Amino acid sequence: MIRFDLARSSEFPEGSREHSYLLRAPLDARQIVDLAALRAAPERAEVLRSWPDEPDMRGYLVHKRKGWVFSYGPGDADDEPLFHLEAHPLRVGEYVTVIERDGTPLAFLVSLCEPLTA
């Protein structure tokens, strides 16, 4: 289970735990998303997007030709690409960039990364 919280920005100088993603995804020993494990069981990569002024959105982490995206429905219109996730470890304290649906890149801090128990 991995949690991304909005990092510090001009709009949110302290960051924001209210703007977050909660991701369930298989990671390899380096804490990078395990593409082979995900291809074997794509339902294992669920995401929940929580924003205080919008309804929660549920979707999946999907690997497409141009890289990883959060996808909330069929087609590409609702996809949110993740910058260089294919080589980026998801460790607490690391930063991840998500490109919002409107094209705005936002930095998120990995605030949680814990294995799930069976």
N, C-alpha and C. Protein backbone atom coordinates (compact mmCIF):
# COMPACT_ATOMS: atom_id res chain seq x y z
N MET A 1 0.86 -1.16 0.00
CA MET A 1 0.00 0.00 0.00
C MET A 1 0.91 1.23 0.00
N ILE A 2 0.67 2.11 -0.94
CA ILE A 2 1.50 3.29 -1.11
C ILE A 2 0.59 4.52 -1.09
N ARG A 3 1.00 5.53 -0.35
CA ARG A 3 0.22 6.76 -0.29
C ARG A 3 1.08 7.91 -0.79
N PHE A 4 0.50 8.72 -1.68
CA PHE A 4 1.12 9.95 -2.16
C PHE A 4 0.31 11.12 -1.61
N ASP A 5 0.98 12.06 -0.96
CA ASP A 5 0.34 13.30 -0.49
C ASP A 5 0.92 14.46 -1.28
N LEU A 6 0.07 15.44 -1.59
CA LEU A 6 0.53 16.61 -2.35
C LEU A 6 1.71 17.26 -1.62
N ALA A 7 2.79 17.47 -2.35
CA ALA A 7 4.00 18.07 -1.77
C ALA A 7 3.84 19.58 -1.68
N ARG A 8 4.80 20.22 -1.02
CA ARG A 8 4.78 21.68 -0.90
C ARG A 8 4.77 22.33 -2.27
N SER A 9 4.02 23.42 -2.36
CA SER A 9 3.95 24.19 -3.61
C SER A 9 3.58 25.62 -3.23
N SER A 10 3.53 26.50 -4.21
CA SER A 10 3.15 27.88 -3.90
C SER A 10 1.71 27.94 -3.38
N GLU A 11 0.84 27.09 -3.90
CA GLU A 11 -0.54 27.07 -3.44
C GLU A 11 -0.70 26.38 -2.08
N PHE A 12 0.15 25.39 -1.81
CA PHE A 12 0.11 24.65 -0.54
C PHE A 12 1.52 24.62 0.05
N PRO A 13 1.94 25.69 0.76
CA PRO A 13 3.30 25.78 1.28
C PRO A 13 3.68 24.64 2.25
N GLU A 14 2.70 24.04 2.89
CA GLU A 14 2.96 22.92 3.80
C GLU A 14 2.59 21.58 3.17
N GLY A 15 2.23 21.58 1.88
CA GLY A 15 1.73 20.38 1.24
C GLY A 15 0.28 20.16 1.66
N SER A 16 -0.29 19.03 1.28
CA SER A 16 -1.67 18.76 1.64
C SER A 16 -1.93 17.26 1.70
N ARG A 17 -2.27 16.79 2.89
CA ARG A 17 -2.67 15.38 3.04
C ARG A 17 -4.09 15.17 2.52
N GLU A 18 -4.84 16.26 2.31
CA GLU A 18 -6.20 16.14 1.78
C GLU A 18 -6.21 15.87 0.27
N HIS A 19 -5.10 16.12 -0.40
CA HIS A 19 -4.95 15.83 -1.83
C HIS A 19 -4.01 14.63 -1.91
N SER A 20 -4.59 13.46 -2.14
CA SER A 20 -3.77 12.26 -2.05
C SER A 20 -4.20 11.17 -3.01
N TYR A 21 -3.29 10.23 -3.19
CA TYR A 21 -3.56 9.00 -3.92
C TYR A 21 -3.20 7.85 -2.98
N LEU A 22 -4.02 6.83 -2.96
CA LEU A 22 -3.73 5.60 -2.24
C LEU A 22 -3.63 4.51 -3.29
N LEU A 23 -2.48 3.90 -3.39
CA LEU A 23 -2.18 2.95 -4.46
C LEU A 23 -1.84 1.59 -3.87
N ARG A 24 -2.46 0.57 -4.44
CA ARG A 24 -2.08 -0.82 -4.13
C ARG A 24 -1.42 -1.35 -5.38
N ALA A 25 -0.14 -1.72 -5.26
CA ALA A 25 0.60 -2.20 -6.43
C ALA A 25 1.73 -3.12 -5.99
N PRO A 26 2.05 -4.12 -6.82
CA PRO A 26 3.20 -4.98 -6.51
C PRO A 26 4.50 -4.25 -6.80
N LEU A 27 5.44 -4.34 -5.87
CA LEU A 27 6.76 -3.73 -6.04
C LEU A 27 7.81 -4.82 -6.06
N ASP A 28 8.90 -4.56 -6.77
CA ASP A 28 10.01 -5.51 -6.76
C ASP A 28 10.93 -5.22 -5.58
N ALA A 29 12.06 -5.89 -5.51
CA ALA A 29 12.99 -5.74 -4.38
C ALA A 29 13.56 -4.33 -4.28
N ARG A 30 13.57 -3.59 -5.41
CA ARG A 30 14.08 -2.21 -5.41
C ARG A 30 12.99 -1.19 -5.10
N GLN A 31 11.77 -1.69 -4.85
CA GLN A 31 10.58 -0.88 -4.59
C GLN A 31 10.13 -0.09 -5.81
N ILE A 32 10.31 -0.71 -6.97
CA ILE A 32 9.82 -0.19 -8.24
C ILE A 32 8.63 -1.05 -8.64
N VAL A 33 7.62 -0.46 -9.27
CA VAL A 33 6.44 -1.22 -9.69
C VAL A 33 6.89 -2.41 -10.52
N ASP A 34 6.42 -3.59 -10.15
CA ASP A 34 6.79 -4.85 -10.79
C ASP A 34 5.86 -5.10 -11.97
N LEU A 35 6.34 -4.78 -13.16
CA LEU A 35 5.52 -4.89 -14.37
C LEU A 35 5.08 -6.33 -14.63
N ALA A 36 5.97 -7.28 -14.45
CA ALA A 36 5.61 -8.69 -14.69
C ALA A 36 4.50 -9.14 -13.74
N ALA A 37 4.61 -8.80 -12.48
CA ALA A 37 3.57 -9.17 -11.51
C ALA A 37 2.26 -8.48 -11.84
N LEU A 38 2.34 -7.25 -12.28
CA LEU A 38 1.14 -6.50 -12.64
C LEU A 38 0.47 -7.07 -13.88
N ARG A 39 1.26 -7.48 -14.86
CA ARG A 39 0.67 -8.09 -16.06
C ARG A 39 -0.01 -9.41 -15.72
N ALA A 40 0.52 -10.13 -14.75
CA ALA A 40 -0.09 -11.40 -14.34
C ALA A 40 -1.39 -11.19 -13.58
N ALA A 41 -1.52 -10.08 -12.88
CA ALA A 41 -2.72 -9.80 -12.08
C ALA A 41 -2.98 -8.29 -12.08
N PRO A 42 -3.49 -7.73 -13.19
CA PRO A 42 -3.67 -6.27 -13.28
C PRO A 42 -4.61 -5.69 -12.24
N GLU A 43 -5.52 -6.50 -11.72
CA GLU A 43 -6.44 -6.02 -10.69
C GLU A 43 -5.73 -5.71 -9.37
N ARG A 44 -4.48 -6.09 -9.26
CA ARG A 44 -3.71 -5.83 -8.05
C ARG A 44 -3.23 -4.39 -7.96
N ALA A 45 -3.46 -3.59 -8.98
CA ALA A 45 -2.94 -2.22 -9.00
C ALA A 45 -4.08 -1.21 -8.99
N GLU A 46 -4.76 -1.10 -7.88
CA GLU A 46 -5.86 -0.16 -7.73
C GLU A 46 -5.37 1.17 -7.19
N VAL A 47 -6.07 2.24 -7.56
CA VAL A 47 -5.74 3.57 -7.05
C VAL A 47 -7.03 4.27 -6.61
N LEU A 48 -6.91 5.02 -5.53
CA LEU A 48 -8.00 5.86 -5.05
C LEU A 48 -7.47 7.29 -5.01
N ARG A 49 -8.11 8.18 -5.76
CA ARG A 49 -7.73 9.59 -5.79
C ARG A 49 -8.70 10.34 -4.88
N SER A 50 -8.15 11.04 -3.86
CA SER A 50 -8.98 11.79 -2.91
C SER A 50 -8.61 13.26 -2.95
N TRP A 51 -9.60 14.08 -3.26
CA TRP A 51 -9.47 15.53 -3.32
C TRP A 51 -10.61 16.10 -2.49
N PRO A 52 -10.38 17.12 -1.68
CA PRO A 52 -11.43 17.60 -0.78
C PRO A 52 -12.63 18.21 -1.49
N ASP A 53 -12.45 18.75 -2.67
CA ASP A 53 -13.55 19.44 -3.37
C ASP A 53 -14.11 18.64 -4.54
N GLU A 54 -13.77 17.35 -4.62
CA GLU A 54 -14.22 16.48 -5.70
C GLU A 54 -14.59 15.11 -5.14
N PRO A 55 -15.48 14.39 -5.83
CA PRO A 55 -15.76 13.02 -5.39
C PRO A 55 -14.51 12.15 -5.54
N ASP A 56 -14.33 11.17 -4.66
CA ASP A 56 -13.22 10.23 -4.80
C ASP A 56 -13.33 9.52 -6.13
N MET A 57 -12.18 9.21 -6.71
CA MET A 57 -12.13 8.49 -7.98
C MET A 57 -11.36 7.20 -7.77
N ARG A 58 -11.92 6.09 -8.26
CA ARG A 58 -11.26 4.79 -8.19
C ARG A 58 -10.85 4.36 -9.58
N GLY A 59 -9.66 3.83 -9.67
CA GLY A 59 -9.16 3.39 -10.96
C GLY A 59 -8.03 2.40 -10.78
N TYR A 60 -7.19 2.33 -11.80
CA TYR A 60 -6.10 1.36 -11.82
C TYR A 60 -4.81 2.02 -12.29
N LEU A 61 -3.70 1.49 -11.84
CA LEU A 61 -2.39 1.83 -12.37
C LEU A 61 -2.21 0.95 -13.60
N VAL A 62 -1.99 1.57 -14.75
CA VAL A 62 -1.92 0.85 -16.02
C VAL A 62 -0.63 1.24 -16.73
N HIS A 63 0.03 0.24 -17.32
CA HIS A 63 1.22 0.53 -18.12
C HIS A 63 0.80 0.60 -19.58
N LYS A 64 1.03 1.76 -20.17
CA LYS A 64 0.71 1.98 -21.58
C LYS A 64 2.01 2.21 -22.35
N ARG A 65 1.88 2.39 -23.62
CA ARG A 65 3.05 2.55 -24.49
C ARG A 65 3.99 3.66 -24.02
N LYS A 66 3.42 4.75 -23.51
CA LYS A 66 4.25 5.90 -23.09
C LYS A 66 4.59 5.87 -21.61
N GLY A 67 4.23 4.80 -20.89
CA GLY A 67 4.58 4.69 -19.48
C GLY A 67 3.36 4.44 -18.61
N TRP A 68 3.53 4.69 -17.31
CA TRP A 68 2.49 4.41 -16.33
C TRP A 68 1.48 5.55 -16.24
N VAL A 69 0.21 5.18 -16.06
CA VAL A 69 -0.85 6.16 -15.85
C VAL A 69 -1.82 5.65 -14.79
N PHE A 70 -2.45 6.58 -14.11
CA PHE A 70 -3.64 6.25 -13.34
C PHE A 70 -4.79 6.39 -14.32
N SER A 71 -5.59 5.36 -14.47
CA SER A 71 -6.71 5.37 -15.41
C SER A 71 -7.99 5.09 -14.64
N TYR A 72 -9.00 5.91 -14.86
CA TYR A 72 -10.26 5.80 -14.11
C TYR A 72 -11.41 5.27 -14.95
N GLY A 73 -11.19 5.06 -16.24
CA GLY A 73 -12.24 4.55 -17.11
C GLY A 73 -11.67 4.25 -18.49
N PRO A 74 -12.51 3.72 -19.39
CA PRO A 74 -12.05 3.40 -20.74
C PRO A 74 -11.54 4.66 -21.46
N GLY A 75 -10.59 4.47 -22.35
CA GLY A 75 -10.04 5.57 -23.12
C GLY A 75 -8.93 6.30 -22.36
N ASP A 76 -8.41 7.34 -23.00
CA ASP A 76 -7.26 8.07 -22.45
C ASP A 76 -7.64 9.40 -21.80
N ALA A 77 -8.86 9.87 -21.99
CA ALA A 77 -9.24 11.22 -21.56
C ALA A 77 -9.08 11.46 -20.07
N ASP A 78 -9.25 10.42 -19.27
CA ASP A 78 -9.17 10.60 -17.81
C ASP A 78 -7.83 10.15 -17.24
N ASP A 79 -6.90 9.75 -18.10
CA ASP A 79 -5.61 9.24 -17.62
C ASP A 79 -4.77 10.34 -16.99
N GLU A 80 -4.05 9.96 -15.95
CA GLU A 80 -3.08 10.84 -15.29
C GLU A 80 -1.72 10.16 -15.35
N PRO A 81 -0.83 10.59 -16.26
CA PRO A 81 0.49 9.98 -16.37
C PRO A 81 1.34 10.24 -15.12
N LEU A 82 2.23 9.29 -14.85
CA LEU A 82 3.19 9.42 -13.76
C LEU A 82 4.58 9.53 -14.38
N PHE A 83 5.30 10.55 -14.00
CA PHE A 83 6.59 10.87 -14.60
C PHE A 83 7.66 9.87 -14.17
N HIS A 84 8.21 9.12 -15.11
CA HIS A 84 9.33 8.18 -14.91
C HIS A 84 9.08 7.13 -13.83
N LEU A 85 7.86 6.68 -13.68
CA LEU A 85 7.57 5.68 -12.64
C LEU A 85 8.24 4.34 -12.94
N GLU A 86 8.56 4.08 -14.21
CA GLU A 86 9.15 2.81 -14.59
C GLU A 86 10.52 2.57 -13.93
N ALA A 87 11.17 3.62 -13.47
CA ALA A 87 12.50 3.48 -12.85
C ALA A 87 12.58 4.16 -11.49
N HIS A 88 11.45 4.61 -10.99
CA HIS A 88 11.46 5.40 -9.76
C HIS A 88 11.01 4.55 -8.56
N PRO A 89 11.88 4.41 -7.54
CA PRO A 89 11.46 3.64 -6.36
C PRO A 89 10.39 4.37 -5.55
N LEU A 90 9.46 3.62 -5.03
CA LEU A 90 8.37 4.19 -4.22
C LEU A 90 8.68 3.97 -2.75
N ARG A 91 9.61 4.77 -2.26
CA ARG A 91 10.02 4.72 -0.85
C ARG A 91 9.50 5.96 -0.14
N VAL A 92 9.23 5.82 1.16
CA VAL A 92 8.81 6.96 1.97
C VAL A 92 9.88 8.05 1.85
N GLY A 93 9.42 9.27 1.60
CA GLY A 93 10.32 10.41 1.46
C GLY A 93 10.66 10.75 0.02
N GLU A 94 10.40 9.83 -0.92
CA GLU A 94 10.64 10.10 -2.34
C GLU A 94 9.49 10.93 -2.90
N TYR A 95 9.74 11.56 -4.03
CA TYR A 95 8.72 12.37 -4.70
C TYR A 95 8.31 11.71 -6.01
N VAL A 96 7.04 11.87 -6.35
CA VAL A 96 6.48 11.34 -7.59
C VAL A 96 5.71 12.48 -8.25
N THR A 97 5.86 12.63 -9.56
CA THR A 97 5.11 13.65 -10.29
C THR A 97 3.96 13.00 -11.03
N VAL A 98 2.76 13.53 -10.79
CA VAL A 98 1.55 13.09 -11.48
C VAL A 98 1.11 14.24 -12.38
N ILE A 99 0.83 13.92 -13.63
CA ILE A 99 0.33 14.92 -14.56
C ILE A 99 -1.20 14.85 -14.51
N GLU A 100 -1.79 15.90 -13.97
CA GLU A 100 -3.25 15.93 -13.82
C GLU A 100 -3.94 15.90 -15.19
N ARG A 101 -5.21 15.62 -15.19
CA ARG A 101 -5.97 15.52 -16.44
C ARG A 101 -5.92 16.81 -17.26
N ASP A 102 -5.74 17.95 -16.60
CA ASP A 102 -5.66 19.23 -17.33
C ASP A 102 -4.23 19.54 -17.81
N GLY A 103 -3.30 18.61 -17.58
CA GLY A 103 -1.92 18.78 -18.03
C GLY A 103 -0.99 19.37 -16.99
N THR A 104 -1.50 19.71 -15.82
CA THR A 104 -0.69 20.31 -14.77
C THR A 104 0.14 19.24 -14.05
N PRO A 105 1.48 19.40 -14.00
CA PRO A 105 2.28 18.46 -13.23
C PRO A 105 2.25 18.84 -11.75
N LEU A 106 1.98 17.88 -10.89
CA LEU A 106 1.98 18.10 -9.44
C LEU A 106 2.92 17.11 -8.78
N ALA A 107 3.71 17.60 -7.83
CA ALA A 107 4.63 16.75 -7.08
C ALA A 107 3.92 16.20 -5.85
N PHE A 108 4.13 14.91 -5.61
CA PHE A 108 3.57 14.23 -4.46
C PHE A 108 4.69 13.56 -3.67
N LEU A 109 4.55 13.56 -2.37
CA LEU A 109 5.49 12.91 -1.47
C LEU A 109 4.98 11.52 -1.12
N VAL A 110 5.82 10.52 -1.23
CA VAL A 110 5.44 9.18 -0.79
C VAL A 110 5.47 9.19 0.74
N SER A 111 4.30 9.10 1.36
CA SER A 111 4.22 9.19 2.82
C SER A 111 3.99 7.84 3.48
N LEU A 112 3.69 6.82 2.68
CA LEU A 112 3.46 5.47 3.21
C LEU A 112 3.84 4.47 2.14
N CYS A 113 4.52 3.41 2.52
CA CYS A 113 4.80 2.30 1.63
C CYS A 113 4.97 1.08 2.51
N GLU A 114 3.91 0.30 2.61
CA GLU A 114 3.89 -0.87 3.49
C GLU A 114 3.35 -2.08 2.77
N PRO A 115 3.93 -3.25 3.04
CA PRO A 115 3.37 -4.46 2.43
C PRO A 115 1.99 -4.77 3.00
N LEU A 116 1.15 -5.32 2.16
CA LEU A 116 -0.16 -5.78 2.60
C LEU A 116 -0.03 -7.21 3.09
N THR A 117 -0.78 -7.53 4.11
CA THR A 117 -0.79 -8.91 4.58
C THR A 117 -1.84 -9.69 3.81
N ALA A 118 -1.61 -10.95 3.63
CA ALA A 118 -2.53 -11.79 2.85
C ALA A 118 -3.83 -11.99 3.58
